Amino acid sequence: MRKKSKHVINQRRFFSKGVTLLELVVAITISLIPISVVGILLVGGQKNWKQSYNVANRKIETRAQAAISVFSDIGRQSERNSSQIYSLGGGAPILTLNASGIYLEQGEEMEFRYWGGSKLSKRAGGGTIDTFGLPTNYAYFYLDDDAIKVDYGSLSISGLRDKANKTVVLADNVVDIKFVRTIVNNVKQNNIVMKLTLKEDLLDPYSEKVTINTSTLMWN
């Protein structure tokens, strides 16, 4: 009889070392907390990434980036003295004096003159170009209706523009474009700034706009 009683007591001690239902529920609940936090972070991160991706890949953004890329690339290959800013229709640029006493030359059209052919390809590949002699090619940026276009062509020996052999549309739905250059001591500087404003839908007054300011540095 004593042996049986002792066996029951030992069983009770053994089961007392186990986990009660309440303890099990508490443990599961505690373990779910960090899992829930991780899940919230993952969902939030994915949502933010998706929003950033959609913003970066909107049509209006891709159009702006295309214009920036071509403007910067051509500008870096161009010669300072012969490249010119024009007003609409090829007129003289507007000259203004800023608060610092520096003249600003600005207009809606821009003509870059650069060295074409193999020299252009070499420069685009990150090397150097031989700038001996006058530029041989031009790239003329202008606004046609609501689109930015670039005419590419050759320059004659006398420096006149030949008829364009290629025209590229960089962006449409353009609200405004300005090219700006500083003039210091009657010397036109190397830096050209492009101020560009595009709209997602020109017919929608509430459509989103994007305005960019970018610059390119020409050769001396």
N, C-alpha and C. Protein backbone atom coordinates (compact mmCIF):
# COMPACT_ATOMS: atom_id res chain seq x y z
N MET A 1 0.83 -1.20 0.00
CA MET A 1 0.00 0.00 0.00
C MET A 1 0.86 1.24 0.00
N ARG A 2 1.91 1.20 0.77
CA ARG A 2 2.83 2.35 0.82
C ARG A 2 3.54 2.54 -0.53
N LYS A 3 3.88 1.41 -1.16
CA LYS A 3 4.56 1.51 -2.45
C LYS A 3 3.66 2.17 -3.49
N LYS A 4 2.37 1.82 -3.49
CA LYS A 4 1.44 2.39 -4.45
C LYS A 4 1.26 3.88 -4.22
N SER A 5 1.16 4.30 -2.97
CA SER A 5 1.01 5.72 -2.61
C SER A 5 2.25 6.50 -3.04
N LYS A 6 3.40 5.90 -2.84
CA LYS A 6 4.64 6.55 -3.23
C LYS A 6 4.71 6.72 -4.75
N HIS A 7 4.19 5.73 -5.49
CA HIS A 7 4.21 5.80 -6.97
C HIS A 7 3.30 6.93 -7.46
N VAL A 8 2.15 7.11 -6.83
CA VAL A 8 1.23 8.19 -7.20
C VAL A 8 1.85 9.54 -6.94
N ILE A 9 2.51 9.66 -5.81
CA ILE A 9 3.17 10.94 -5.47
C ILE A 9 4.25 11.28 -6.50
N ASN A 10 5.02 10.26 -6.90
CA ASN A 10 6.08 10.48 -7.91
C ASN A 10 5.50 10.92 -9.25
N GLN A 11 4.33 10.34 -9.64
CA GLN A 11 3.67 10.75 -10.88
C GLN A 11 3.23 12.20 -10.82
N ARG A 12 2.70 12.58 -9.65
CA ARG A 12 2.25 13.97 -9.49
C ARG A 12 3.44 14.94 -9.62
N ARG A 13 4.57 14.55 -8.99
CA ARG A 13 5.76 15.39 -9.10
C ARG A 13 6.24 15.49 -10.55
N PHE A 14 6.13 14.40 -11.28
CA PHE A 14 6.59 14.38 -12.67
C PHE A 14 5.73 15.33 -13.52
N PHE A 15 4.40 15.22 -13.35
CA PHE A 15 3.50 16.07 -14.15
C PHE A 15 3.54 17.52 -13.72
N SER A 16 3.93 17.76 -12.44
CA SER A 16 4.02 19.15 -11.98
C SER A 16 5.16 19.89 -12.67
N LYS A 17 6.12 19.15 -13.22
CA LYS A 17 7.23 19.77 -13.95
C LYS A 17 6.85 20.11 -15.39
N GLY A 18 5.70 19.73 -15.86
CA GLY A 18 5.26 20.02 -17.22
C GLY A 18 4.75 21.44 -17.38
N VAL A 19 4.09 21.74 -18.54
CA VAL A 19 3.60 23.08 -18.86
C VAL A 19 2.08 23.06 -18.81
N THR A 20 1.55 24.03 -18.09
CA THR A 20 0.09 24.11 -18.00
C THR A 20 -0.44 24.78 -19.26
N LEU A 21 -1.73 24.65 -19.49
CA LEU A 21 -2.36 25.26 -20.66
C LEU A 21 -2.20 26.78 -20.65
N LEU A 22 -2.32 27.38 -19.51
CA LEU A 22 -2.17 28.83 -19.39
C LEU A 22 -0.76 29.26 -19.77
N GLU A 23 0.23 28.53 -19.28
CA GLU A 23 1.62 28.85 -19.60
C GLU A 23 1.88 28.70 -21.10
N LEU A 24 1.26 27.69 -21.70
CA LEU A 24 1.43 27.45 -23.12
C LEU A 24 0.84 28.61 -23.93
N VAL A 25 -0.35 29.06 -23.54
CA VAL A 25 -1.00 30.19 -24.23
C VAL A 25 -0.16 31.45 -24.11
N VAL A 26 0.36 31.71 -22.92
CA VAL A 26 1.20 32.89 -22.69
C VAL A 26 2.45 32.84 -23.55
N ALA A 27 3.10 31.66 -23.60
CA ALA A 27 4.32 31.51 -24.39
C ALA A 27 4.05 31.75 -25.87
N ILE A 28 2.94 31.20 -26.38
CA ILE A 28 2.60 31.39 -27.79
C ILE A 28 2.33 32.86 -28.09
N THR A 29 1.60 33.50 -27.17
CA THR A 29 1.27 34.93 -27.35
C THR A 29 2.53 35.78 -27.41
N ILE A 30 3.47 35.51 -26.50
CA ILE A 30 4.72 36.27 -26.47
C ILE A 30 5.53 36.05 -27.74
N SER A 31 5.54 34.80 -28.22
CA SER A 31 6.30 34.52 -29.44
C SER A 31 5.69 35.16 -30.67
N LEU A 32 4.37 35.39 -30.63
CA LEU A 32 3.71 36.01 -31.78
C LEU A 32 3.98 37.50 -31.90
N ILE A 33 4.36 38.12 -30.79
CA ILE A 33 4.59 39.57 -30.82
C ILE A 33 5.72 39.95 -31.78
N PRO A 34 6.94 39.39 -31.66
CA PRO A 34 7.99 39.76 -32.61
C PRO A 34 7.66 39.35 -34.05
N ILE A 35 6.93 38.24 -34.21
CA ILE A 35 6.54 37.83 -35.55
C ILE A 35 5.60 38.86 -36.18
N SER A 36 4.68 39.38 -35.36
CA SER A 36 3.75 40.40 -35.85
C SER A 36 4.50 41.68 -36.21
N VAL A 37 5.47 42.06 -35.37
CA VAL A 37 6.25 43.27 -35.64
C VAL A 37 7.02 43.13 -36.95
N VAL A 38 7.64 41.96 -37.14
CA VAL A 38 8.38 41.72 -38.38
C VAL A 38 7.45 41.79 -39.58
N GLY A 39 6.26 41.20 -39.43
CA GLY A 39 5.29 41.21 -40.51
C GLY A 39 4.86 42.62 -40.87
N ILE A 40 4.62 43.45 -39.84
CA ILE A 40 4.22 44.84 -40.08
C ILE A 40 5.33 45.60 -40.80
N LEU A 41 6.59 45.38 -40.36
CA LEU A 41 7.73 46.05 -40.99
C LEU A 41 7.88 45.63 -42.45
N LEU A 42 7.69 44.33 -42.71
CA LEU A 42 7.82 43.84 -44.09
C LEU A 42 6.73 44.43 -44.99
N VAL A 43 5.50 44.45 -44.48
CA VAL A 43 4.39 45.00 -45.27
C VAL A 43 4.59 46.48 -45.51
N GLY A 44 5.01 47.20 -44.44
CA GLY A 44 5.25 48.63 -44.58
C GLY A 44 6.39 48.93 -45.53
N GLY A 45 7.47 48.14 -45.43
CA GLY A 45 8.61 48.32 -46.32
C GLY A 45 8.24 48.07 -47.77
N GLN A 46 7.46 47.02 -48.00
CA GLN A 46 7.03 46.70 -49.36
C GLN A 46 6.13 47.80 -49.92
N LYS A 47 5.27 48.36 -49.07
CA LYS A 47 4.38 49.43 -49.51
C LYS A 47 5.18 50.68 -49.87
N ASN A 48 6.17 51.03 -49.01
CA ASN A 48 7.00 52.20 -49.29
C ASN A 48 7.82 52.00 -50.55
N TRP A 49 8.36 50.79 -50.73
CA TRP A 49 9.14 50.50 -51.93
C TRP A 49 8.28 50.62 -53.17
N LYS A 50 7.06 50.11 -53.10
CA LYS A 50 6.16 50.18 -54.25
C LYS A 50 5.82 51.63 -54.58
N GLN A 51 5.59 52.46 -53.55
CA GLN A 51 5.29 53.86 -53.79
C GLN A 51 6.48 54.56 -54.43
N SER A 52 7.69 54.29 -53.92
CA SER A 52 8.89 54.90 -54.47
C SER A 52 9.12 54.45 -55.91
N TYR A 53 8.88 53.18 -56.16
CA TYR A 53 9.05 52.65 -57.52
C TYR A 53 8.07 53.31 -58.48
N ASN A 54 6.81 53.45 -58.05
CA ASN A 54 5.80 54.06 -58.92
C ASN A 54 6.12 55.52 -59.21
N VAL A 55 6.63 56.23 -58.18
CA VAL A 55 6.99 57.64 -58.39
C VAL A 55 8.15 57.75 -59.37
N ALA A 56 9.17 56.89 -59.18
CA ALA A 56 10.37 56.96 -60.03
C ALA A 56 10.08 56.54 -61.46
N ASN A 57 9.04 55.73 -61.66
CA ASN A 57 8.77 55.20 -63.00
C ASN A 57 7.49 55.76 -63.61
N ARG A 58 6.98 56.86 -63.05
CA ARG A 58 5.86 57.52 -63.70
C ARG A 58 6.30 58.06 -65.05
N LYS A 59 5.35 58.18 -65.95
CA LYS A 59 5.68 58.66 -67.29
C LYS A 59 6.32 60.04 -67.24
N ILE A 60 5.81 60.89 -66.38
CA ILE A 60 6.33 62.25 -66.29
C ILE A 60 7.78 62.25 -65.81
N GLU A 61 8.12 61.31 -64.92
CA GLU A 61 9.49 61.22 -64.42
C GLU A 61 10.44 60.68 -65.49
N THR A 62 10.01 59.68 -66.22
CA THR A 62 10.87 59.09 -67.24
C THR A 62 11.12 60.09 -68.37
N ARG A 63 10.10 60.90 -68.70
CA ARG A 63 10.30 61.93 -69.73
C ARG A 63 11.33 62.95 -69.27
N ALA A 64 11.23 63.37 -68.03
CA ALA A 64 12.17 64.36 -67.50
C ALA A 64 13.59 63.81 -67.49
N GLN A 65 13.74 62.55 -67.07
CA GLN A 65 15.07 61.94 -67.02
C GLN A 65 15.68 61.80 -68.40
N ALA A 66 14.86 61.53 -69.40
CA ALA A 66 15.36 61.42 -70.77
C ALA A 66 15.91 62.75 -71.24
N ALA A 67 15.18 63.83 -70.96
CA ALA A 67 15.63 65.17 -71.35
C ALA A 67 16.93 65.54 -70.64
N ILE A 68 17.02 65.23 -69.35
CA ILE A 68 18.22 65.53 -68.57
C ILE A 68 19.42 64.80 -69.13
N SER A 69 19.24 63.53 -69.44
CA SER A 69 20.35 62.69 -69.91
C SER A 69 20.94 63.23 -71.21
N VAL A 70 20.09 63.54 -72.18
CA VAL A 70 20.58 64.03 -73.48
C VAL A 70 21.21 65.41 -73.32
N PHE A 71 20.55 66.29 -72.59
CA PHE A 71 21.07 67.65 -72.36
C PHE A 71 22.45 67.61 -71.72
N SER A 72 22.62 66.80 -70.70
CA SER A 72 23.90 66.71 -69.99
C SER A 72 24.98 66.12 -70.87
N ASP A 73 24.64 65.08 -71.61
CA ASP A 73 25.64 64.39 -72.44
C ASP A 73 26.13 65.28 -73.58
N ILE A 74 25.21 65.92 -74.28
CA ILE A 74 25.60 66.80 -75.39
C ILE A 74 26.37 68.01 -74.87
N GLY A 75 25.90 68.57 -73.76
CA GLY A 75 26.56 69.75 -73.20
C GLY A 75 28.02 69.50 -72.84
N ARG A 76 28.31 68.35 -72.28
CA ARG A 76 29.69 68.05 -71.87
C ARG A 76 30.62 67.88 -73.06
N GLN A 77 30.07 67.65 -74.23
CA GLN A 77 30.89 67.46 -75.42
C GLN A 77 30.99 68.74 -76.27
N SER A 78 30.35 69.81 -75.81
CA SER A 78 30.22 71.01 -76.64
C SER A 78 31.25 72.08 -76.30
N GLU A 79 31.43 72.97 -77.25
CA GLU A 79 32.39 74.06 -77.12
C GLU A 79 31.69 75.32 -76.63
N ARG A 80 32.29 76.00 -75.68
CA ARG A 80 31.64 77.11 -74.99
C ARG A 80 31.33 78.30 -75.89
N ASN A 81 32.32 78.78 -76.61
CA ASN A 81 32.19 80.05 -77.33
C ASN A 81 31.16 80.01 -78.45
N SER A 82 31.06 78.90 -79.14
CA SER A 82 30.15 78.84 -80.30
C SER A 82 28.75 78.34 -79.93
N SER A 83 28.57 77.78 -78.77
CA SER A 83 27.24 77.33 -78.33
C SER A 83 26.44 78.54 -77.85
N GLN A 84 25.17 78.61 -78.27
CA GLN A 84 24.39 79.82 -78.02
C GLN A 84 22.99 79.51 -77.50
N ILE A 85 22.47 80.45 -76.69
CA ILE A 85 21.08 80.43 -76.24
C ILE A 85 20.28 81.38 -77.12
N TYR A 86 19.05 80.98 -77.47
CA TYR A 86 18.17 81.82 -78.28
C TYR A 86 16.79 81.90 -77.63
N SER A 87 16.08 82.96 -77.97
CA SER A 87 14.68 83.04 -77.56
C SER A 87 13.84 82.26 -78.58
N LEU A 88 12.53 82.22 -78.37
CA LEU A 88 11.65 81.47 -79.28
C LEU A 88 11.82 81.91 -80.72
N GLY A 89 11.96 80.95 -81.61
CA GLY A 89 12.10 81.25 -83.02
C GLY A 89 13.50 81.62 -83.44
N GLY A 90 14.47 81.44 -82.55
CA GLY A 90 15.85 81.74 -82.89
C GLY A 90 16.26 83.18 -82.70
N GLY A 91 15.47 83.93 -81.91
CA GLY A 91 15.80 85.32 -81.65
C GLY A 91 16.89 85.48 -80.61
N ALA A 92 17.25 86.73 -80.36
CA ALA A 92 18.30 87.02 -79.38
C ALA A 92 17.82 86.66 -77.98
N PRO A 93 18.73 86.19 -77.12
CA PRO A 93 18.34 85.84 -75.76
C PRO A 93 18.05 87.09 -74.92
N ILE A 94 17.38 86.88 -73.82
CA ILE A 94 17.06 87.98 -72.91
C ILE A 94 18.20 88.12 -71.90
N LEU A 95 18.64 89.34 -71.68
CA LEU A 95 19.69 89.61 -70.70
C LEU A 95 19.08 90.29 -69.48
N THR A 96 19.37 89.74 -68.30
CA THR A 96 18.90 90.34 -67.06
C THR A 96 20.07 90.45 -66.09
N LEU A 97 19.93 91.34 -65.12
CA LEU A 97 20.96 91.55 -64.11
C LEU A 97 20.42 91.07 -62.77
N ASN A 98 21.10 90.09 -62.15
CA ASN A 98 20.60 89.56 -60.88
C ASN A 98 21.08 90.42 -59.70
N ALA A 99 20.67 90.04 -58.49
CA ALA A 99 20.98 90.83 -57.30
C ALA A 99 22.48 90.90 -57.01
N SER A 100 23.24 89.96 -57.53
CA SER A 100 24.69 89.94 -57.30
C SER A 100 25.46 90.75 -58.35
N GLY A 101 24.73 91.37 -59.24
CA GLY A 101 25.39 92.17 -60.27
C GLY A 101 25.93 91.35 -61.42
N ILE A 102 25.42 90.13 -61.59
CA ILE A 102 25.88 89.25 -62.67
C ILE A 102 24.79 89.18 -63.74
N TYR A 103 25.21 89.29 -64.99
CA TYR A 103 24.26 89.20 -66.08
C TYR A 103 23.88 87.74 -66.34
N LEU A 104 22.59 87.55 -66.60
CA LEU A 104 22.07 86.23 -66.95
C LEU A 104 21.51 86.28 -68.36
N GLU A 105 21.92 85.33 -69.16
CA GLU A 105 21.41 85.19 -70.52
C GLU A 105 20.44 84.03 -70.53
N GLN A 106 19.22 84.24 -71.00
CA GLN A 106 18.25 83.14 -70.98
C GLN A 106 17.33 83.16 -72.19
N GLY A 107 16.85 81.97 -72.53
CA GLY A 107 15.96 81.82 -73.66
C GLY A 107 15.35 80.43 -73.67
N GLU A 108 14.47 80.18 -74.64
CA GLU A 108 13.75 78.90 -74.71
C GLU A 108 14.41 77.89 -75.65
N GLU A 109 15.45 78.31 -76.35
CA GLU A 109 16.13 77.41 -77.29
C GLU A 109 17.63 77.42 -77.03
N MET A 110 18.27 76.28 -77.33
CA MET A 110 19.70 76.14 -77.05
C MET A 110 20.38 75.39 -78.19
N GLU A 111 21.45 75.98 -78.69
CA GLU A 111 22.25 75.32 -79.71
C GLU A 111 23.61 74.94 -79.14
N PHE A 112 23.87 73.65 -79.06
CA PHE A 112 25.19 73.16 -78.68
C PHE A 112 25.98 72.84 -79.94
N ARG A 113 27.26 73.23 -79.96
CA ARG A 113 28.14 72.88 -81.08
C ARG A 113 29.28 72.02 -80.53
N TYR A 114 29.48 70.89 -81.16
CA TYR A 114 30.45 69.92 -80.65
C TYR A 114 31.22 69.26 -81.79
N TRP A 115 32.21 68.49 -81.41
CA TRP A 115 33.02 67.77 -82.39
C TRP A 115 32.41 66.40 -82.60
N GLY A 116 31.98 66.11 -83.81
CA GLY A 116 31.24 64.88 -84.05
C GLY A 116 32.11 63.74 -84.54
N GLY A 117 31.45 62.73 -85.11
CA GLY A 117 32.15 61.57 -85.65
C GLY A 117 32.84 60.75 -84.58
N SER A 118 34.05 60.29 -84.90
CA SER A 118 34.78 59.42 -83.98
C SER A 118 35.14 60.13 -82.70
N LYS A 119 35.33 61.47 -82.78
CA LYS A 119 35.69 62.24 -81.58
C LYS A 119 34.54 62.21 -80.58
N LEU A 120 33.32 62.32 -81.11
CA LEU A 120 32.15 62.28 -80.25
C LEU A 120 32.05 60.93 -79.55
N SER A 121 32.25 59.85 -80.29
CA SER A 121 32.16 58.52 -79.71
C SER A 121 33.22 58.31 -78.64
N LYS A 122 34.42 58.82 -78.91
CA LYS A 122 35.50 58.65 -77.94
C LYS A 122 35.19 59.39 -76.65
N ARG A 123 34.64 60.61 -76.77
CA ARG A 123 34.29 61.39 -75.60
C ARG A 123 33.17 60.71 -74.81
N ALA A 124 32.18 60.19 -75.52
CA ALA A 124 31.05 59.52 -74.86
C ALA A 124 31.52 58.28 -74.11
N GLY A 125 32.64 57.69 -74.56
CA GLY A 125 33.15 56.50 -73.88
C GLY A 125 34.00 56.82 -72.68
N GLY A 126 34.11 58.09 -72.33
CA GLY A 126 34.82 58.46 -71.12
C GLY A 126 36.26 58.88 -71.35
N GLY A 127 36.71 58.93 -72.62
CA GLY A 127 38.08 59.33 -72.90
C GLY A 127 38.18 60.83 -73.11
N THR A 128 39.19 61.25 -73.83
CA THR A 128 39.35 62.66 -74.15
C THR A 128 39.16 62.85 -75.65
N ILE A 129 38.89 64.09 -76.06
CA ILE A 129 38.71 64.36 -77.47
C ILE A 129 39.70 65.44 -77.90
N ASP A 130 40.01 65.42 -79.16
CA ASP A 130 40.88 66.42 -79.74
C ASP A 130 40.00 67.59 -80.16
N THR A 131 40.11 68.72 -79.46
CA THR A 131 39.27 69.88 -79.73
C THR A 131 39.93 70.85 -80.69
N PHE A 132 40.94 70.37 -81.41
CA PHE A 132 41.60 71.23 -82.38
C PHE A 132 40.64 71.53 -83.53
N GLY A 133 40.54 72.81 -83.90
CA GLY A 133 39.64 73.19 -84.97
C GLY A 133 38.25 73.51 -84.45
N LEU A 134 37.40 73.97 -85.34
CA LEU A 134 36.04 74.36 -84.98
C LEU A 134 35.15 73.12 -84.83
N PRO A 135 34.09 73.23 -84.01
CA PRO A 135 33.13 72.12 -83.89
C PRO A 135 32.54 71.78 -85.25
N THR A 136 32.19 70.54 -85.41
CA THR A 136 31.70 70.04 -86.71
C THR A 136 30.21 69.72 -86.72
N ASN A 137 29.61 69.62 -85.54
CA ASN A 137 28.20 69.23 -85.47
C ASN A 137 27.44 70.14 -84.51
N TYR A 138 26.12 70.10 -84.63
CA TYR A 138 25.29 70.87 -83.71
C TYR A 138 24.12 70.02 -83.22
N ALA A 139 23.61 70.42 -82.05
CA ALA A 139 22.38 69.85 -81.48
C ALA A 139 21.53 71.03 -81.02
N TYR A 140 20.38 71.20 -81.64
CA TYR A 140 19.54 72.37 -81.38
C TYR A 140 18.30 71.95 -80.59
N PHE A 141 18.22 72.41 -79.34
CA PHE A 141 17.09 72.10 -78.46
C PHE A 141 16.03 73.21 -78.61
N TYR A 142 14.78 72.80 -78.79
CA TYR A 142 13.72 73.80 -78.93
C TYR A 142 12.38 73.18 -78.55
N LEU A 143 11.41 74.07 -78.33
CA LEU A 143 10.07 73.65 -77.95
C LEU A 143 9.16 73.74 -79.16
N ASP A 144 8.55 72.63 -79.53
CA ASP A 144 7.62 72.57 -80.65
C ASP A 144 6.26 72.16 -80.11
N ASP A 145 5.34 73.13 -80.04
CA ASP A 145 4.04 72.92 -79.39
C ASP A 145 4.29 72.59 -77.92
N ASP A 146 4.05 71.34 -77.49
CA ASP A 146 4.29 71.00 -76.09
C ASP A 146 5.40 69.96 -75.94
N ALA A 147 6.24 69.84 -76.98
CA ALA A 147 7.29 68.81 -76.96
C ALA A 147 8.67 69.45 -77.09
N ILE A 148 9.64 68.89 -76.34
CA ILE A 148 11.04 69.29 -76.50
C ILE A 148 11.63 68.42 -77.60
N LYS A 149 12.22 69.07 -78.59
CA LYS A 149 12.85 68.35 -79.67
C LYS A 149 14.31 68.77 -79.80
N VAL A 150 15.09 67.88 -80.40
CA VAL A 150 16.49 68.18 -80.68
C VAL A 150 16.76 67.87 -82.14
N ASP A 151 17.25 68.88 -82.86
CA ASP A 151 17.70 68.67 -84.24
C ASP A 151 19.20 68.43 -84.23
N TYR A 152 19.62 67.36 -84.89
CA TYR A 152 21.04 67.05 -85.02
C TYR A 152 21.46 67.26 -86.47
N GLY A 153 22.63 67.88 -86.65
CA GLY A 153 23.11 68.08 -88.00
C GLY A 153 24.57 68.48 -88.02
N SER A 154 25.07 68.76 -89.23
CA SER A 154 26.47 69.14 -89.42
C SER A 154 26.59 70.64 -89.60
N LEU A 155 27.79 71.13 -89.36
CA LEU A 155 28.11 72.54 -89.56
C LEU A 155 28.97 72.68 -90.82
N SER A 156 28.70 73.70 -91.59
CA SER A 156 29.52 73.95 -92.78
C SER A 156 30.87 74.52 -92.36
N ILE A 157 31.77 74.62 -93.31
CA ILE A 157 33.10 75.17 -93.03
C ILE A 157 32.99 76.59 -92.50
N SER A 158 32.00 77.32 -92.98
CA SER A 158 31.81 78.70 -92.54
C SER A 158 31.06 78.80 -91.21
N GLY A 159 30.66 77.65 -90.66
CA GLY A 159 29.99 77.64 -89.36
C GLY A 159 28.48 77.71 -89.41
N LEU A 160 27.90 77.62 -90.60
CA LEU A 160 26.44 77.64 -90.73
C LEU A 160 25.87 76.25 -90.50
N ARG A 161 24.65 76.21 -89.98
CA ARG A 161 24.00 74.92 -89.75
C ARG A 161 23.45 74.36 -91.05
N ASP A 162 23.83 73.14 -91.37
CA ASP A 162 23.21 72.44 -92.48
C ASP A 162 21.84 71.92 -92.04
N LYS A 163 21.07 71.46 -92.99
CA LYS A 163 19.75 70.91 -92.66
C LYS A 163 19.90 69.73 -91.72
N ALA A 164 19.04 69.69 -90.71
CA ALA A 164 19.10 68.61 -89.72
C ALA A 164 18.91 67.25 -90.39
N ASN A 165 19.75 66.30 -90.00
CA ASN A 165 19.60 64.95 -90.53
C ASN A 165 18.87 64.01 -89.56
N LYS A 166 18.57 64.54 -88.37
CA LYS A 166 17.82 63.72 -87.40
C LYS A 166 17.14 64.64 -86.39
N THR A 167 15.91 64.34 -86.06
CA THR A 167 15.17 65.07 -85.02
C THR A 167 14.66 64.07 -83.99
N VAL A 168 14.90 64.36 -82.74
CA VAL A 168 14.50 63.46 -81.65
C VAL A 168 13.57 64.21 -80.70
N VAL A 169 12.47 63.58 -80.33
CA VAL A 169 11.55 64.13 -79.33
C VAL A 169 11.99 63.62 -77.96
N LEU A 170 12.37 64.54 -77.08
CA LEU A 170 12.84 64.16 -75.76
C LEU A 170 11.71 64.00 -74.76
N ALA A 171 10.73 64.90 -74.81
CA ALA A 171 9.63 64.86 -73.84
C ALA A 171 8.46 65.65 -74.39
N ASP A 172 7.26 65.24 -73.98
CA ASP A 172 6.07 66.00 -74.35
C ASP A 172 5.38 66.49 -73.07
N ASN A 173 4.23 67.14 -73.24
CA ASN A 173 3.51 67.73 -72.11
C ASN A 173 4.39 68.72 -71.34
N VAL A 174 5.15 69.50 -72.10
CA VAL A 174 6.05 70.49 -71.49
C VAL A 174 5.28 71.79 -71.26
N VAL A 175 5.34 72.28 -70.04
CA VAL A 175 4.68 73.54 -69.69
C VAL A 175 5.61 74.72 -69.93
N ASP A 176 6.88 74.57 -69.58
CA ASP A 176 7.82 75.67 -69.73
C ASP A 176 9.25 75.13 -69.79
N ILE A 177 10.11 75.85 -70.52
CA ILE A 177 11.52 75.49 -70.58
C ILE A 177 12.34 76.77 -70.70
N LYS A 178 13.45 76.81 -69.98
CA LYS A 178 14.35 77.95 -70.02
C LYS A 178 15.79 77.43 -69.96
N PHE A 179 16.64 78.05 -70.78
CA PHE A 179 18.07 77.80 -70.72
C PHE A 179 18.73 79.08 -70.19
N VAL A 180 19.60 78.93 -69.22
CA VAL A 180 20.19 80.10 -68.54
C VAL A 180 21.70 79.95 -68.49
N ARG A 181 22.38 81.09 -68.68
CA ARG A 181 23.84 81.11 -68.67
C ARG A 181 24.31 82.43 -68.06
N THR A 182 25.36 82.39 -67.27
CA THR A 182 25.89 83.61 -66.68
C THR A 182 26.96 84.23 -67.58
N ILE A 183 27.05 85.55 -67.50
CA ILE A 183 28.07 86.29 -68.24
C ILE A 183 28.86 87.12 -67.24
N VAL A 184 30.14 86.84 -67.12
CA VAL A 184 31.00 87.54 -66.17
C VAL A 184 32.09 88.28 -66.94
N ASN A 185 32.16 89.60 -66.74
CA ASN A 185 33.14 90.43 -67.45
C ASN A 185 33.06 90.23 -68.97
N ASN A 186 31.81 90.18 -69.45
CA ASN A 186 31.53 90.01 -70.88
C ASN A 186 31.98 88.65 -71.43
N VAL A 187 32.24 87.71 -70.55
CA VAL A 187 32.63 86.36 -70.97
C VAL A 187 31.51 85.39 -70.62
N LYS A 188 31.01 84.70 -71.64
CA LYS A 188 29.97 83.69 -71.40
C LYS A 188 30.58 82.47 -70.75
N GLN A 189 29.99 82.05 -69.64
CA GLN A 189 30.55 80.97 -68.85
C GLN A 189 30.22 79.58 -69.42
N ASN A 190 30.94 78.59 -68.91
CA ASN A 190 30.80 77.22 -69.42
C ASN A 190 29.49 76.54 -69.02
N ASN A 191 28.93 76.98 -67.91
CA ASN A 191 27.79 76.28 -67.34
C ASN A 191 26.46 76.72 -67.97
N ILE A 192 25.68 75.75 -68.42
CA ILE A 192 24.33 76.02 -68.94
C ILE A 192 23.32 75.33 -68.05
N VAL A 193 22.32 76.07 -67.59
CA VAL A 193 21.26 75.52 -66.74
C VAL A 193 19.99 75.36 -67.57
N MET A 194 19.35 74.22 -67.40
CA MET A 194 18.06 73.99 -68.04
C MET A 194 16.99 73.89 -66.96
N LYS A 195 15.97 74.74 -67.08
CA LYS A 195 14.83 74.70 -66.17
C LYS A 195 13.64 74.17 -66.95
N LEU A 196 13.14 73.05 -66.53
CA LEU A 196 12.12 72.34 -67.30
C LEU A 196 10.93 71.99 -66.42
N THR A 197 9.73 72.31 -66.90
CA THR A 197 8.51 71.97 -66.18
C THR A 197 7.62 71.13 -67.08
N LEU A 198 7.23 69.96 -66.60
CA LEU A 198 6.34 69.06 -67.35
C LEU A 198 5.09 68.78 -66.53
N LYS A 199 4.03 68.38 -67.23
CA LYS A 199 2.77 68.07 -66.58
C LYS A 199 2.30 66.71 -67.03
N GLU A 200 1.69 65.97 -66.14
CA GLU A 200 1.21 64.63 -66.48
C GLU A 200 0.13 64.70 -67.56
N ASP A 201 -0.77 65.66 -67.43
CA ASP A 201 -1.86 65.82 -68.42
C ASP A 201 -2.12 67.31 -68.60
N LEU A 202 -1.82 67.83 -69.77
CA LEU A 202 -1.97 69.26 -70.01
C LEU A 202 -3.42 69.72 -69.96
N LEU A 203 -4.36 68.82 -70.26
CA LEU A 203 -5.77 69.18 -70.28
C LEU A 203 -6.41 69.17 -68.90
N ASP A 204 -5.74 68.57 -67.93
CA ASP A 204 -6.28 68.47 -66.57
C ASP A 204 -5.64 69.55 -65.71
N PRO A 205 -6.40 70.54 -65.24
CA PRO A 205 -5.82 71.62 -64.42
C PRO A 205 -5.26 71.14 -63.09
N TYR A 206 -5.69 69.97 -62.64
CA TYR A 206 -5.22 69.44 -61.36
C TYR A 206 -4.15 68.36 -61.54
N SER A 207 -3.73 68.16 -62.77
CA SER A 207 -2.72 67.14 -63.03
C SER A 207 -1.39 67.52 -62.39
N GLU A 208 -0.64 66.51 -62.01
CA GLU A 208 0.62 66.74 -61.30
C GLU A 208 1.68 67.33 -62.22
N LYS A 209 2.48 68.26 -61.65
CA LYS A 209 3.59 68.88 -62.36
C LYS A 209 4.90 68.43 -61.74
N VAL A 210 5.95 68.48 -62.55
CA VAL A 210 7.30 68.26 -62.03
C VAL A 210 8.21 69.29 -62.67
N THR A 211 9.01 69.96 -61.85
CA THR A 211 9.96 70.97 -62.32
C THR A 211 11.37 70.53 -61.97
N ILE A 212 12.26 70.56 -62.94
CA ILE A 212 13.64 70.15 -62.71
C ILE A 212 14.57 71.29 -63.09
N ASN A 213 15.67 71.38 -62.37
CA ASN A 213 16.75 72.30 -62.69
C ASN A 213 18.01 71.46 -62.81
N THR A 214 18.59 71.44 -63.98
CA THR A 214 19.81 70.66 -64.17
C THR A 214 20.80 71.51 -64.95
N SER A 215 22.06 71.13 -64.89
CA SER A 215 23.08 71.91 -65.58
C SER A 215 24.10 71.00 -66.24
N THR A 216 24.82 71.56 -67.18
CA THR A 216 25.88 70.84 -67.86
C THR A 216 27.06 71.79 -68.06
N LEU A 217 28.26 71.24 -68.06
CA LEU A 217 29.47 72.05 -68.15
C LEU A 217 30.15 71.79 -69.49
N MET A 218 30.29 72.84 -70.29
CA MET A 218 30.86 72.71 -71.63
C MET A 218 32.38 72.86 -71.58
N TRP A 219 33.01 72.57 -72.73
CA TRP A 219 34.45 72.75 -72.89
C TRP A 219 34.76 74.24 -73.03
N ASN A 220 35.99 74.61 -72.67
CA ASN A 220 36.45 76.00 -72.86
C ASN A 220 36.57 76.30 -74.35
